[in-house]
Amino acid sequence: MPSADEIHQYLHGAWRMMLGKADGLKELDLSVDGFWNSFFAIVVALPALVVNWVTIADSYGELAINFNDRFAIFIRLAVIDLAAWLVPLAGLAAIAPTVRLADRFVHYVVASNWTTAIIAWLMVPPAALLLVMPDETDLAWFLSMVIFIASQIFVWRMTKVAIGKGAAVAGAVYAGMLAGSIVILIALQWLLGLT
């Protein structure tokens, strides 16, 4: 488990990469331990994710009449989001040697994990708004869309720095990972009855 100072350093490095700054990569631990420690970003993101899951579970109306129903939806949302985070990385691991990305796979995974933690926190304001002002759905939706679009720009920049093989290769990785996440989100929402 990384220390608080290390977590701060990794988040700062990921943020620099999200701004398109290649020097951010130097702040990440790209060793084997750093690779596995980067999954601690899930723990860093967890409080922010919980706020989102609670907000969404509360929005299910007649499907979430009592606490047990809302908790069941909450758990399904957690499974969906964590799968959408981790399964595309596993898919990339499977094809990285074939598509000549094996030398940058660790760079991408470490940067992606810490970036995803930052983005989880960026998505808190719309969810928090709905928790305290449930009728402000239009404003929350607008904020969510603005943050989502900005986050995709950040992810694209991080991907370009992490992959380090030019815009075309970074674009392909970015598009593939985004498409993989969306497919997993849609498929699991359907399988778990959260359409």
N, C-alpha and C. Protein backbone atom coordinates (compact mmCIF):
# COMPACT_ATOMS: atom_id res chain seq x y z
N MET A 1 0.84 -1.17 0.00
CA MET A 1 0.00 0.00 0.00
C MET A 1 0.90 1.25 0.00
N PRO A 2 0.64 2.18 -0.93
CA PRO A 2 1.46 3.39 -0.97
C PRO A 2 1.17 4.30 0.22
N SER A 3 2.16 5.09 0.60
CA SER A 3 1.99 6.05 1.69
C SER A 3 1.17 7.25 1.20
N ALA A 4 0.75 8.08 2.14
CA ALA A 4 -0.02 9.28 1.78
C ALA A 4 0.80 10.19 0.87
N ASP A 5 2.09 10.34 1.16
CA ASP A 5 2.95 11.17 0.32
C ASP A 5 3.08 10.60 -1.09
N GLU A 6 3.20 9.29 -1.17
CA GLU A 6 3.29 8.64 -2.48
C GLU A 6 1.99 8.82 -3.27
N ILE A 7 0.86 8.65 -2.59
CA ILE A 7 -0.43 8.83 -3.26
C ILE A 7 -0.54 10.25 -3.80
N HIS A 8 -0.15 11.22 -2.98
CA HIS A 8 -0.17 12.62 -3.43
C HIS A 8 0.72 12.81 -4.66
N GLN A 9 1.90 12.23 -4.62
CA GLN A 9 2.82 12.33 -5.75
C GLN A 9 2.22 11.71 -7.01
N TYR A 10 1.62 10.51 -6.86
CA TYR A 10 1.05 9.82 -8.03
C TYR A 10 -0.14 10.59 -8.60
N LEU A 11 -0.98 11.13 -7.72
CA LEU A 11 -2.12 11.92 -8.19
C LEU A 11 -1.63 13.19 -8.89
N HIS A 12 -0.59 13.81 -8.34
CA HIS A 12 -0.03 15.00 -8.97
C HIS A 12 0.55 14.65 -10.34
N GLY A 13 1.26 13.54 -10.42
CA GLY A 13 1.81 13.11 -11.70
C GLY A 13 0.73 12.83 -12.72
N ALA A 14 -0.33 12.14 -12.29
CA ALA A 14 -1.45 11.86 -13.20
C ALA A 14 -2.12 13.15 -13.65
N TRP A 15 -2.28 14.10 -12.72
CA TRP A 15 -2.89 15.38 -13.07
C TRP A 15 -2.04 16.11 -14.11
N ARG A 16 -0.72 16.09 -13.94
CA ARG A 16 0.17 16.70 -14.93
C ARG A 16 -0.02 16.04 -16.30
N MET A 17 -0.14 14.72 -16.31
CA MET A 17 -0.35 14.01 -17.56
C MET A 17 -1.70 14.37 -18.17
N MET A 18 -2.71 14.54 -17.31
CA MET A 18 -4.04 14.94 -17.79
C MET A 18 -4.01 16.31 -18.44
N LEU A 19 -3.04 17.12 -18.06
CA LEU A 19 -2.86 18.44 -18.67
C LEU A 19 -1.95 18.37 -19.89
N GLY A 20 -1.52 17.14 -20.23
CA GLY A 20 -0.66 16.94 -21.40
C GLY A 20 0.81 17.13 -21.13
N LYS A 21 1.21 17.17 -19.86
CA LYS A 21 2.60 17.40 -19.48
C LYS A 21 3.32 16.06 -19.29
N ALA A 22 4.32 15.81 -20.12
CA ALA A 22 5.05 14.54 -20.08
C ALA A 22 5.82 14.35 -18.78
N ASP A 23 6.17 15.46 -18.09
CA ASP A 23 6.94 15.32 -16.86
C ASP A 23 6.14 14.63 -15.75
N GLY A 24 4.82 14.58 -15.90
CA GLY A 24 4.01 13.89 -14.90
C GLY A 24 4.33 12.41 -14.81
N LEU A 25 4.75 11.83 -15.92
CA LEU A 25 5.08 10.40 -15.94
C LEU A 25 6.23 10.09 -14.99
N LYS A 26 7.14 11.04 -14.79
CA LYS A 26 8.28 10.83 -13.90
C LYS A 26 7.86 10.72 -12.43
N GLU A 27 6.67 11.20 -12.11
CA GLU A 27 6.20 11.15 -10.73
C GLU A 27 5.51 9.83 -10.39
N LEU A 28 5.29 9.00 -11.38
CA LEU A 28 4.62 7.71 -11.17
C LEU A 28 5.65 6.61 -10.93
N ASP A 29 5.26 5.63 -10.15
CA ASP A 29 6.11 4.47 -9.90
C ASP A 29 5.78 3.42 -10.95
N LEU A 30 6.68 3.20 -11.88
CA LEU A 30 6.44 2.28 -12.99
C LEU A 30 7.09 0.91 -12.78
N SER A 31 7.47 0.65 -11.52
CA SER A 31 8.02 -0.67 -11.19
C SER A 31 6.88 -1.67 -11.08
N VAL A 32 7.22 -2.94 -10.86
CA VAL A 32 6.19 -3.97 -10.66
C VAL A 32 5.33 -3.62 -9.44
N ASP A 33 5.99 -3.21 -8.34
CA ASP A 33 5.23 -2.81 -7.15
C ASP A 33 4.36 -1.60 -7.45
N GLY A 34 4.88 -0.64 -8.21
CA GLY A 34 4.11 0.54 -8.57
C GLY A 34 2.89 0.20 -9.41
N PHE A 35 3.08 -0.80 -10.29
CA PHE A 35 1.94 -1.27 -11.11
C PHE A 35 0.83 -1.76 -10.20
N TRP A 36 1.16 -2.68 -9.29
CA TRP A 36 0.12 -3.25 -8.42
C TRP A 36 -0.40 -2.22 -7.43
N ASN A 37 0.48 -1.34 -6.94
CA ASN A 37 0.04 -0.30 -6.00
C ASN A 37 -0.90 0.70 -6.67
N SER A 38 -0.81 0.84 -7.99
CA SER A 38 -1.69 1.80 -8.67
C SER A 38 -3.16 1.41 -8.55
N PHE A 39 -3.42 0.14 -8.28
CA PHE A 39 -4.82 -0.28 -8.09
C PHE A 39 -5.37 0.19 -6.75
N PHE A 40 -4.50 0.72 -5.90
CA PHE A 40 -4.96 1.37 -4.67
C PHE A 40 -5.76 2.63 -5.01
N ALA A 41 -5.63 3.10 -6.24
CA ALA A 41 -6.43 4.24 -6.69
C ALA A 41 -7.92 3.95 -6.55
N ILE A 42 -8.29 2.68 -6.59
CA ILE A 42 -9.71 2.33 -6.37
C ILE A 42 -10.14 2.75 -4.97
N VAL A 43 -9.27 2.52 -3.99
CA VAL A 43 -9.58 2.90 -2.61
C VAL A 43 -9.65 4.43 -2.50
N VAL A 44 -8.73 5.12 -3.19
CA VAL A 44 -8.73 6.58 -3.18
C VAL A 44 -10.03 7.11 -3.80
N ALA A 45 -10.50 6.46 -4.84
CA ALA A 45 -11.72 6.90 -5.53
C ALA A 45 -13.00 6.47 -4.82
N LEU A 46 -12.91 5.49 -3.94
CA LEU A 46 -14.11 4.87 -3.35
C LEU A 46 -15.08 5.86 -2.70
N PRO A 47 -14.63 6.81 -1.87
CA PRO A 47 -15.61 7.73 -1.29
C PRO A 47 -16.39 8.51 -2.36
N ALA A 48 -15.70 8.95 -3.41
CA ALA A 48 -16.37 9.67 -4.49
C ALA A 48 -17.34 8.77 -5.23
N LEU A 49 -16.93 7.53 -5.48
CA LEU A 49 -17.80 6.58 -6.16
C LEU A 49 -19.04 6.28 -5.33
N VAL A 50 -18.85 6.18 -4.02
CA VAL A 50 -19.99 5.89 -3.13
C VAL A 50 -21.04 7.00 -3.23
N VAL A 51 -20.59 8.25 -3.26
CA VAL A 51 -21.54 9.37 -3.39
C VAL A 51 -22.35 9.21 -4.68
N ASN A 52 -21.69 8.87 -5.77
CA ASN A 52 -22.39 8.67 -7.04
C ASN A 52 -23.35 7.49 -6.98
N TRP A 53 -22.90 6.38 -6.40
CA TRP A 53 -23.77 5.21 -6.33
C TRP A 53 -25.00 5.46 -5.47
N VAL A 54 -24.82 6.17 -4.35
CA VAL A 54 -25.96 6.49 -3.47
C VAL A 54 -26.96 7.37 -4.23
N THR A 55 -26.44 8.38 -4.92
CA THR A 55 -27.31 9.30 -5.67
C THR A 55 -28.09 8.56 -6.74
N ILE A 56 -27.41 7.70 -7.48
CA ILE A 56 -28.08 6.96 -8.56
C ILE A 56 -29.08 5.97 -7.98
N ALA A 57 -28.69 5.27 -6.93
CA ALA A 57 -29.62 4.31 -6.31
C ALA A 57 -30.89 5.00 -5.82
N ASP A 58 -30.74 6.20 -5.28
CA ASP A 58 -31.90 6.96 -4.81
C ASP A 58 -32.80 7.41 -5.96
N SER A 59 -32.26 7.49 -7.15
CA SER A 59 -33.03 8.00 -8.29
C SER A 59 -33.89 6.94 -8.96
N TYR A 60 -33.84 5.71 -8.50
CA TYR A 60 -34.56 4.63 -9.17
C TYR A 60 -36.04 4.55 -8.81
N GLY A 61 -36.56 5.52 -8.05
CA GLY A 61 -37.99 5.62 -7.78
C GLY A 61 -38.59 4.37 -7.22
N GLU A 62 -39.55 3.80 -7.97
CA GLU A 62 -40.29 2.64 -7.46
C GLU A 62 -39.43 1.38 -7.33
N LEU A 63 -38.29 1.35 -8.00
CA LEU A 63 -37.37 0.21 -7.82
C LEU A 63 -36.59 0.31 -6.51
N ALA A 64 -36.58 1.52 -5.91
CA ALA A 64 -35.79 1.74 -4.69
C ALA A 64 -36.68 2.29 -3.58
N ILE A 65 -37.75 1.56 -3.29
CA ILE A 65 -38.71 2.04 -2.29
C ILE A 65 -38.13 1.98 -0.89
N ASN A 66 -37.44 0.91 -0.56
CA ASN A 66 -36.91 0.78 0.80
C ASN A 66 -35.38 0.65 0.76
N PHE A 67 -34.79 0.61 1.95
CA PHE A 67 -33.33 0.56 2.06
C PHE A 67 -32.75 -0.67 1.37
N ASN A 68 -33.38 -1.83 1.54
CA ASN A 68 -32.85 -3.06 0.93
C ASN A 68 -32.79 -2.96 -0.58
N ASP A 69 -33.83 -2.36 -1.18
CA ASP A 69 -33.84 -2.19 -2.64
C ASP A 69 -32.73 -1.24 -3.07
N ARG A 70 -32.60 -0.11 -2.36
CA ARG A 70 -31.56 0.85 -2.70
C ARG A 70 -30.16 0.25 -2.52
N PHE A 71 -29.98 -0.54 -1.46
CA PHE A 71 -28.68 -1.16 -1.22
C PHE A 71 -28.35 -2.17 -2.32
N ALA A 72 -29.35 -2.93 -2.77
CA ALA A 72 -29.13 -3.88 -3.86
C ALA A 72 -28.72 -3.16 -5.14
N ILE A 73 -29.37 -2.04 -5.42
CA ILE A 73 -29.00 -1.24 -6.59
C ILE A 73 -27.59 -0.67 -6.41
N PHE A 74 -27.29 -0.19 -5.22
CA PHE A 74 -25.96 0.34 -4.89
C PHE A 74 -24.88 -0.70 -5.19
N ILE A 75 -25.09 -1.93 -4.75
CA ILE A 75 -24.10 -3.00 -4.98
C ILE A 75 -23.96 -3.28 -6.47
N ARG A 76 -25.06 -3.32 -7.19
CA ARG A 76 -24.99 -3.55 -8.63
C ARG A 76 -24.23 -2.42 -9.34
N LEU A 77 -24.48 -1.18 -8.91
CA LEU A 77 -23.74 -0.06 -9.48
C LEU A 77 -22.24 -0.17 -9.22
N ALA A 78 -21.89 -0.61 -8.02
CA ALA A 78 -20.48 -0.79 -7.67
C ALA A 78 -19.83 -1.84 -8.59
N VAL A 79 -20.51 -2.95 -8.78
CA VAL A 79 -19.99 -4.02 -9.65
C VAL A 79 -19.80 -3.49 -11.06
N ILE A 80 -20.79 -2.75 -11.57
CA ILE A 80 -20.74 -2.22 -12.93
C ILE A 80 -19.57 -1.26 -13.09
N ASP A 81 -19.45 -0.30 -12.18
CA ASP A 81 -18.38 0.70 -12.31
C ASP A 81 -16.99 0.09 -12.17
N LEU A 82 -16.83 -0.82 -11.23
CA LEU A 82 -15.52 -1.43 -11.04
C LEU A 82 -15.15 -2.34 -12.22
N ALA A 83 -16.14 -3.02 -12.77
CA ALA A 83 -15.88 -3.82 -13.96
C ALA A 83 -15.50 -2.93 -15.14
N ALA A 84 -16.20 -1.80 -15.28
CA ALA A 84 -15.90 -0.88 -16.38
C ALA A 84 -14.50 -0.26 -16.22
N TRP A 85 -14.01 -0.22 -15.00
CA TRP A 85 -12.65 0.29 -14.73
C TRP A 85 -11.62 -0.78 -15.06
N LEU A 86 -11.85 -2.02 -14.58
CA LEU A 86 -10.81 -3.04 -14.60
C LEU A 86 -10.81 -3.94 -15.84
N VAL A 87 -11.97 -4.29 -16.36
CA VAL A 87 -12.03 -5.25 -17.47
C VAL A 87 -11.33 -4.70 -18.73
N PRO A 88 -11.52 -3.42 -19.11
CA PRO A 88 -10.77 -2.94 -20.28
C PRO A 88 -9.26 -3.01 -20.09
N LEU A 89 -8.78 -2.80 -18.85
CA LEU A 89 -7.34 -2.93 -18.60
C LEU A 89 -6.89 -4.37 -18.82
N ALA A 90 -7.72 -5.33 -18.40
CA ALA A 90 -7.40 -6.74 -18.63
C ALA A 90 -7.40 -7.04 -20.13
N GLY A 91 -8.35 -6.46 -20.85
CA GLY A 91 -8.39 -6.63 -22.30
C GLY A 91 -7.16 -6.07 -22.98
N LEU A 92 -6.72 -4.90 -22.52
CA LEU A 92 -5.51 -4.31 -23.07
C LEU A 92 -4.29 -5.18 -22.77
N ALA A 93 -4.26 -5.76 -21.57
CA ALA A 93 -3.15 -6.66 -21.22
C ALA A 93 -3.08 -7.84 -22.19
N ALA A 94 -4.26 -8.33 -22.58
CA ALA A 94 -4.31 -9.50 -23.47
C ALA A 94 -3.80 -9.17 -24.87
N ILE A 95 -4.07 -7.95 -25.35
CA ILE A 95 -3.68 -7.63 -26.73
C ILE A 95 -2.42 -6.79 -26.84
N ALA A 96 -1.91 -6.28 -25.71
CA ALA A 96 -0.75 -5.37 -25.75
C ALA A 96 0.44 -5.93 -26.53
N PRO A 97 0.83 -7.20 -26.32
CA PRO A 97 1.98 -7.71 -27.09
C PRO A 97 1.70 -7.76 -28.59
N THR A 98 0.48 -8.10 -28.95
CA THR A 98 0.11 -8.23 -30.36
C THR A 98 0.11 -6.88 -31.07
N VAL A 99 -0.34 -5.84 -30.37
CA VAL A 99 -0.43 -4.51 -30.99
C VAL A 99 0.78 -3.64 -30.66
N ARG A 100 1.84 -4.25 -30.18
CA ARG A 100 3.11 -3.58 -29.89
C ARG A 100 3.00 -2.48 -28.85
N LEU A 101 2.24 -2.77 -27.79
CA LEU A 101 2.12 -1.83 -26.69
C LEU A 101 2.66 -2.38 -25.37
N ALA A 102 3.28 -3.56 -25.44
CA ALA A 102 3.77 -4.20 -24.22
C ALA A 102 4.76 -3.30 -23.47
N ASP A 103 5.56 -2.55 -24.21
CA ASP A 103 6.56 -1.70 -23.56
C ASP A 103 5.96 -0.48 -22.87
N ARG A 104 4.70 -0.15 -23.17
CA ARG A 104 4.05 1.01 -22.56
C ARG A 104 2.81 0.62 -21.75
N PHE A 105 2.57 -0.67 -21.62
CA PHE A 105 1.38 -1.13 -20.91
C PHE A 105 1.40 -0.69 -19.45
N VAL A 106 2.51 -0.89 -18.75
CA VAL A 106 2.60 -0.50 -17.34
C VAL A 106 2.42 1.01 -17.20
N HIS A 107 3.04 1.77 -18.07
CA HIS A 107 2.90 3.23 -18.04
C HIS A 107 1.42 3.61 -18.11
N TYR A 108 0.73 2.98 -19.07
CA TYR A 108 -0.68 3.32 -19.28
C TYR A 108 -1.54 2.92 -18.08
N VAL A 109 -1.37 1.71 -17.58
CA VAL A 109 -2.20 1.23 -16.48
C VAL A 109 -2.00 2.07 -15.23
N VAL A 110 -0.75 2.34 -14.89
CA VAL A 110 -0.47 3.14 -13.68
C VAL A 110 -1.09 4.53 -13.82
N ALA A 111 -0.85 5.18 -14.96
CA ALA A 111 -1.39 6.52 -15.17
C ALA A 111 -2.92 6.49 -15.23
N SER A 112 -3.46 5.48 -15.88
CA SER A 112 -4.91 5.37 -16.01
C SER A 112 -5.59 5.18 -14.66
N ASN A 113 -5.02 4.34 -13.81
CA ASN A 113 -5.62 4.11 -12.49
C ASN A 113 -5.68 5.40 -11.68
N TRP A 114 -4.58 6.13 -11.61
CA TRP A 114 -4.56 7.37 -10.83
C TRP A 114 -5.43 8.44 -11.47
N THR A 115 -5.47 8.47 -12.80
CA THR A 115 -6.35 9.41 -13.50
C THR A 115 -7.82 9.11 -13.22
N THR A 116 -8.18 7.84 -13.20
CA THR A 116 -9.56 7.46 -12.94
C THR A 116 -9.98 7.87 -11.54
N ALA A 117 -9.07 7.79 -10.59
CA ALA A 117 -9.38 8.25 -9.23
C ALA A 117 -9.67 9.75 -9.23
N ILE A 118 -8.87 10.52 -9.95
CA ILE A 118 -9.10 11.96 -10.02
C ILE A 118 -10.46 12.25 -10.65
N ILE A 119 -10.75 11.56 -11.74
CA ILE A 119 -12.02 11.80 -12.43
C ILE A 119 -13.21 11.42 -11.55
N ALA A 120 -13.07 10.37 -10.77
CA ALA A 120 -14.16 10.01 -9.84
C ALA A 120 -14.47 11.17 -8.92
N TRP A 121 -13.43 11.85 -8.44
CA TRP A 121 -13.64 13.00 -7.56
C TRP A 121 -14.20 14.20 -8.32
N LEU A 122 -13.81 14.37 -9.57
CA LEU A 122 -14.35 15.46 -10.38
C LEU A 122 -15.86 15.30 -10.59
N MET A 123 -16.33 14.06 -10.58
CA MET A 123 -17.76 13.79 -10.81
C MET A 123 -18.62 13.92 -9.56
N VAL A 124 -18.03 14.25 -8.43
CA VAL A 124 -18.80 14.36 -7.18
C VAL A 124 -19.79 15.54 -7.17
N PRO A 125 -19.42 16.73 -7.64
CA PRO A 125 -20.34 17.86 -7.50
C PRO A 125 -21.76 17.63 -8.03
N PRO A 126 -21.97 17.07 -9.23
CA PRO A 126 -23.35 16.86 -9.67
C PRO A 126 -24.10 15.87 -8.76
N ALA A 127 -23.40 14.82 -8.34
CA ALA A 127 -24.04 13.83 -7.46
C ALA A 127 -24.38 14.44 -6.11
N ALA A 128 -23.45 15.22 -5.57
CA ALA A 128 -23.69 15.87 -4.28
C ALA A 128 -24.84 16.87 -4.40
N LEU A 129 -24.92 17.57 -5.52
CA LEU A 129 -26.02 18.50 -5.75
C LEU A 129 -27.36 17.78 -5.67
N LEU A 130 -27.44 16.61 -6.30
CA LEU A 130 -28.70 15.86 -6.28
C LEU A 130 -29.01 15.30 -4.90
N LEU A 131 -27.99 15.02 -4.10
CA LEU A 131 -28.25 14.55 -2.75
C LEU A 131 -28.89 15.63 -1.88
N VAL A 132 -28.44 16.86 -2.05
CA VAL A 132 -28.97 17.94 -1.22
C VAL A 132 -30.14 18.68 -1.88
N MET A 133 -30.20 18.64 -3.21
CA MET A 133 -31.28 19.31 -3.94
C MET A 133 -31.80 18.38 -5.03
N PRO A 134 -32.60 17.37 -4.64
CA PRO A 134 -33.02 16.34 -5.60
C PRO A 134 -33.80 16.84 -6.81
N ASP A 135 -34.37 18.03 -6.72
CA ASP A 135 -35.16 18.55 -7.85
C ASP A 135 -34.31 19.24 -8.92
N GLU A 136 -33.03 19.41 -8.66
CA GLU A 136 -32.14 20.10 -9.59
C GLU A 136 -31.53 19.14 -10.62
N THR A 137 -32.36 18.30 -11.21
CA THR A 137 -31.85 17.29 -12.15
C THR A 137 -31.26 17.91 -13.41
N ASP A 138 -31.87 18.99 -13.91
CA ASP A 138 -31.36 19.61 -15.13
C ASP A 138 -29.96 20.19 -14.92
N LEU A 139 -29.78 20.90 -13.81
CA LEU A 139 -28.47 21.47 -13.50
C LEU A 139 -27.44 20.36 -13.28
N ALA A 140 -27.83 19.32 -12.55
CA ALA A 140 -26.92 18.20 -12.29
C ALA A 140 -26.55 17.50 -13.59
N TRP A 141 -27.52 17.32 -14.48
CA TRP A 141 -27.24 16.69 -15.77
C TRP A 141 -26.27 17.54 -16.57
N PHE A 142 -26.51 18.86 -16.60
CA PHE A 142 -25.62 19.77 -17.33
C PHE A 142 -24.20 19.71 -16.78
N LEU A 143 -24.08 19.79 -15.45
CA LEU A 143 -22.75 19.70 -14.82
C LEU A 143 -22.07 18.37 -15.15
N SER A 144 -22.84 17.29 -15.09
CA SER A 144 -22.30 15.96 -15.41
C SER A 144 -21.76 15.91 -16.83
N MET A 145 -22.49 16.49 -17.77
CA MET A 145 -22.06 16.47 -19.17
C MET A 145 -20.79 17.30 -19.36
N VAL A 146 -20.73 18.48 -18.73
CA VAL A 146 -19.54 19.33 -18.85
C VAL A 146 -18.32 18.60 -18.27
N ILE A 147 -18.50 18.01 -17.09
CA ILE A 147 -17.39 17.31 -16.45
C ILE A 147 -16.99 16.08 -17.24
N PHE A 148 -17.97 15.36 -17.80
CA PHE A 148 -17.67 14.18 -18.61
C PHE A 148 -16.84 14.56 -19.83
N ILE A 149 -17.26 15.61 -20.53
CA ILE A 149 -16.53 16.04 -21.73
C ILE A 149 -15.11 16.47 -21.36
N ALA A 150 -14.99 17.27 -20.29
CA ALA A 150 -13.66 17.70 -19.84
C ALA A 150 -12.81 16.49 -19.45
N SER A 151 -13.42 15.52 -18.76
CA SER A 151 -12.66 14.35 -18.32
C SER A 151 -12.15 13.54 -19.50
N GLN A 152 -12.92 13.50 -20.58
CA GLN A 152 -12.46 12.74 -21.76
C GLN A 152 -11.27 13.44 -22.43
N ILE A 153 -11.27 14.77 -22.39
CA ILE A 153 -10.10 15.50 -22.89
C ILE A 153 -8.89 15.18 -22.02
N PHE A 154 -9.10 15.16 -20.69
CA PHE A 154 -8.02 14.82 -19.77
C PHE A 154 -7.50 13.40 -20.02
N VAL A 155 -8.43 12.46 -20.21
CA VAL A 155 -8.03 11.05 -20.43
C VAL A 155 -7.26 10.93 -21.74
N TRP A 156 -7.70 11.63 -22.76
CA TRP A 156 -6.99 11.60 -24.04
C TRP A 156 -5.55 12.09 -23.86
N ARG A 157 -5.39 13.21 -23.15
CA ARG A 157 -4.05 13.75 -22.93
C ARG A 157 -3.18 12.78 -22.14
N MET A 158 -3.76 12.21 -21.08
CA MET A 158 -3.01 11.23 -20.27
C MET A 158 -2.60 10.05 -21.14
N THR A 159 -3.51 9.56 -21.96
CA THR A 159 -3.23 8.42 -22.82
C THR A 159 -2.09 8.73 -23.77
N LYS A 160 -2.12 9.92 -24.36
CA LYS A 160 -1.07 10.31 -25.31
C LYS A 160 0.30 10.33 -24.63
N VAL A 161 0.37 10.87 -23.41
CA VAL A 161 1.64 10.90 -22.68
C VAL A 161 2.06 9.49 -22.28
N ALA A 162 1.13 8.71 -21.74
CA ALA A 162 1.46 7.37 -21.24
C ALA A 162 1.90 6.43 -22.35
N ILE A 163 1.20 6.48 -23.49
CA ILE A 163 1.54 5.58 -24.60
C ILE A 163 2.82 6.03 -25.29
N GLY A 164 3.01 7.34 -25.46
CA GLY A 164 4.25 7.86 -26.01
C GLY A 164 4.59 7.39 -27.40
N LYS A 165 3.57 7.11 -28.21
CA LYS A 165 3.82 6.62 -29.58
C LYS A 165 3.07 7.45 -30.61
N GLY A 166 2.78 8.68 -30.26
CA GLY A 166 2.11 9.56 -31.21
C GLY A 166 0.60 9.57 -31.05
N ALA A 167 -0.02 10.54 -31.72
CA ALA A 167 -1.45 10.76 -31.58
C ALA A 167 -2.29 9.62 -32.15
N ALA A 168 -1.86 9.02 -33.25
CA ALA A 168 -2.66 7.97 -33.88
C ALA A 168 -2.77 6.74 -32.97
N VAL A 169 -1.66 6.29 -32.43
CA VAL A 169 -1.68 5.12 -31.54
C VAL A 169 -2.43 5.45 -30.26
N ALA A 170 -2.16 6.64 -29.71
CA ALA A 170 -2.87 7.06 -28.50
C ALA A 170 -4.37 7.15 -28.75
N GLY A 171 -4.74 7.66 -29.92
CA GLY A 171 -6.16 7.74 -30.27
C GLY A 171 -6.82 6.38 -30.34
N ALA A 172 -6.09 5.42 -30.92
CA ALA A 172 -6.64 4.06 -31.00
C ALA A 172 -6.81 3.45 -29.61
N VAL A 173 -5.82 3.65 -28.75
CA VAL A 173 -5.92 3.13 -27.38
C VAL A 173 -7.06 3.81 -26.64
N TYR A 174 -7.12 5.13 -26.74
CA TYR A 174 -8.18 5.89 -26.07
C TYR A 174 -9.55 5.41 -26.54
N ALA A 175 -9.74 5.31 -27.85
CA ALA A 175 -11.04 4.90 -28.39
C ALA A 175 -11.39 3.47 -27.97
N GLY A 176 -10.41 2.59 -28.01
CA GLY A 176 -10.65 1.21 -27.62
C GLY A 176 -11.03 1.07 -26.15
N MET A 177 -10.32 1.79 -25.31
CA MET A 177 -10.62 1.71 -23.87
C MET A 177 -11.97 2.34 -23.56
N LEU A 178 -12.29 3.46 -24.20
CA LEU A 178 -13.60 4.09 -23.99
C LEU A 178 -14.72 3.19 -24.48
N ALA A 179 -14.55 2.62 -25.67
CA ALA A 179 -15.56 1.73 -26.21
C ALA A 179 -15.73 0.50 -25.32
N GLY A 180 -14.62 -0.06 -24.84
CA GLY A 180 -14.70 -1.21 -23.95
C GLY A 180 -15.46 -0.90 -22.67
N SER A 181 -15.18 0.26 -22.10
CA SER A 181 -15.88 0.66 -20.87
C SER A 181 -17.37 0.84 -21.11
N ILE A 182 -17.73 1.47 -22.23
CA ILE A 182 -19.14 1.70 -22.53
C ILE A 182 -19.87 0.38 -22.76
N VAL A 183 -19.24 -0.52 -23.51
CA VAL A 183 -19.87 -1.83 -23.75
C VAL A 183 -20.10 -2.57 -22.43
N ILE A 184 -19.10 -2.54 -21.56
CA ILE A 184 -19.25 -3.22 -20.26
C ILE A 184 -20.34 -2.56 -19.43
N LEU A 185 -20.36 -1.24 -19.40
CA LEU A 185 -21.41 -0.53 -18.66
C LEU A 185 -22.81 -0.93 -19.15
N ILE A 186 -23.00 -0.87 -20.47
CA ILE A 186 -24.32 -1.18 -21.03
C ILE A 186 -24.70 -2.64 -20.80
N ALA A 187 -23.74 -3.54 -21.06
CA ALA A 187 -24.03 -4.97 -20.90
C ALA A 187 -24.35 -5.32 -19.45
N LEU A 188 -23.56 -4.81 -18.52
CA LEU A 188 -23.81 -5.15 -17.11
C LEU A 188 -25.06 -4.47 -16.58
N GLN A 189 -25.36 -3.25 -17.05
CA GLN A 189 -26.62 -2.63 -16.64
C GLN A 189 -27.79 -3.48 -17.08
N TRP A 190 -27.72 -3.99 -18.30
CA TRP A 190 -28.80 -4.84 -18.81
C TRP A 190 -28.87 -6.16 -18.04
N LEU A 191 -27.71 -6.79 -17.84
CA LEU A 191 -27.69 -8.07 -17.12
C LEU A 191 -28.15 -7.95 -15.67
N LEU A 192 -27.86 -6.81 -15.06
CA LEU A 192 -28.20 -6.61 -13.65
C LEU A 192 -29.50 -5.84 -13.45
N GLY A 193 -30.24 -5.65 -14.54
CA GLY A 193 -31.56 -5.04 -14.43
C GLY A 193 -31.57 -3.57 -14.12
N LEU A 194 -30.54 -2.83 -14.55
CA LEU A 194 -30.49 -1.39 -14.29
C LEU A 194 -30.54 -0.58 -15.57
N THR A 195 -31.35 -1.01 -16.51
CA THR A 195 -31.45 -0.28 -17.78
C THR A 195 -32.22 1.00 -17.59
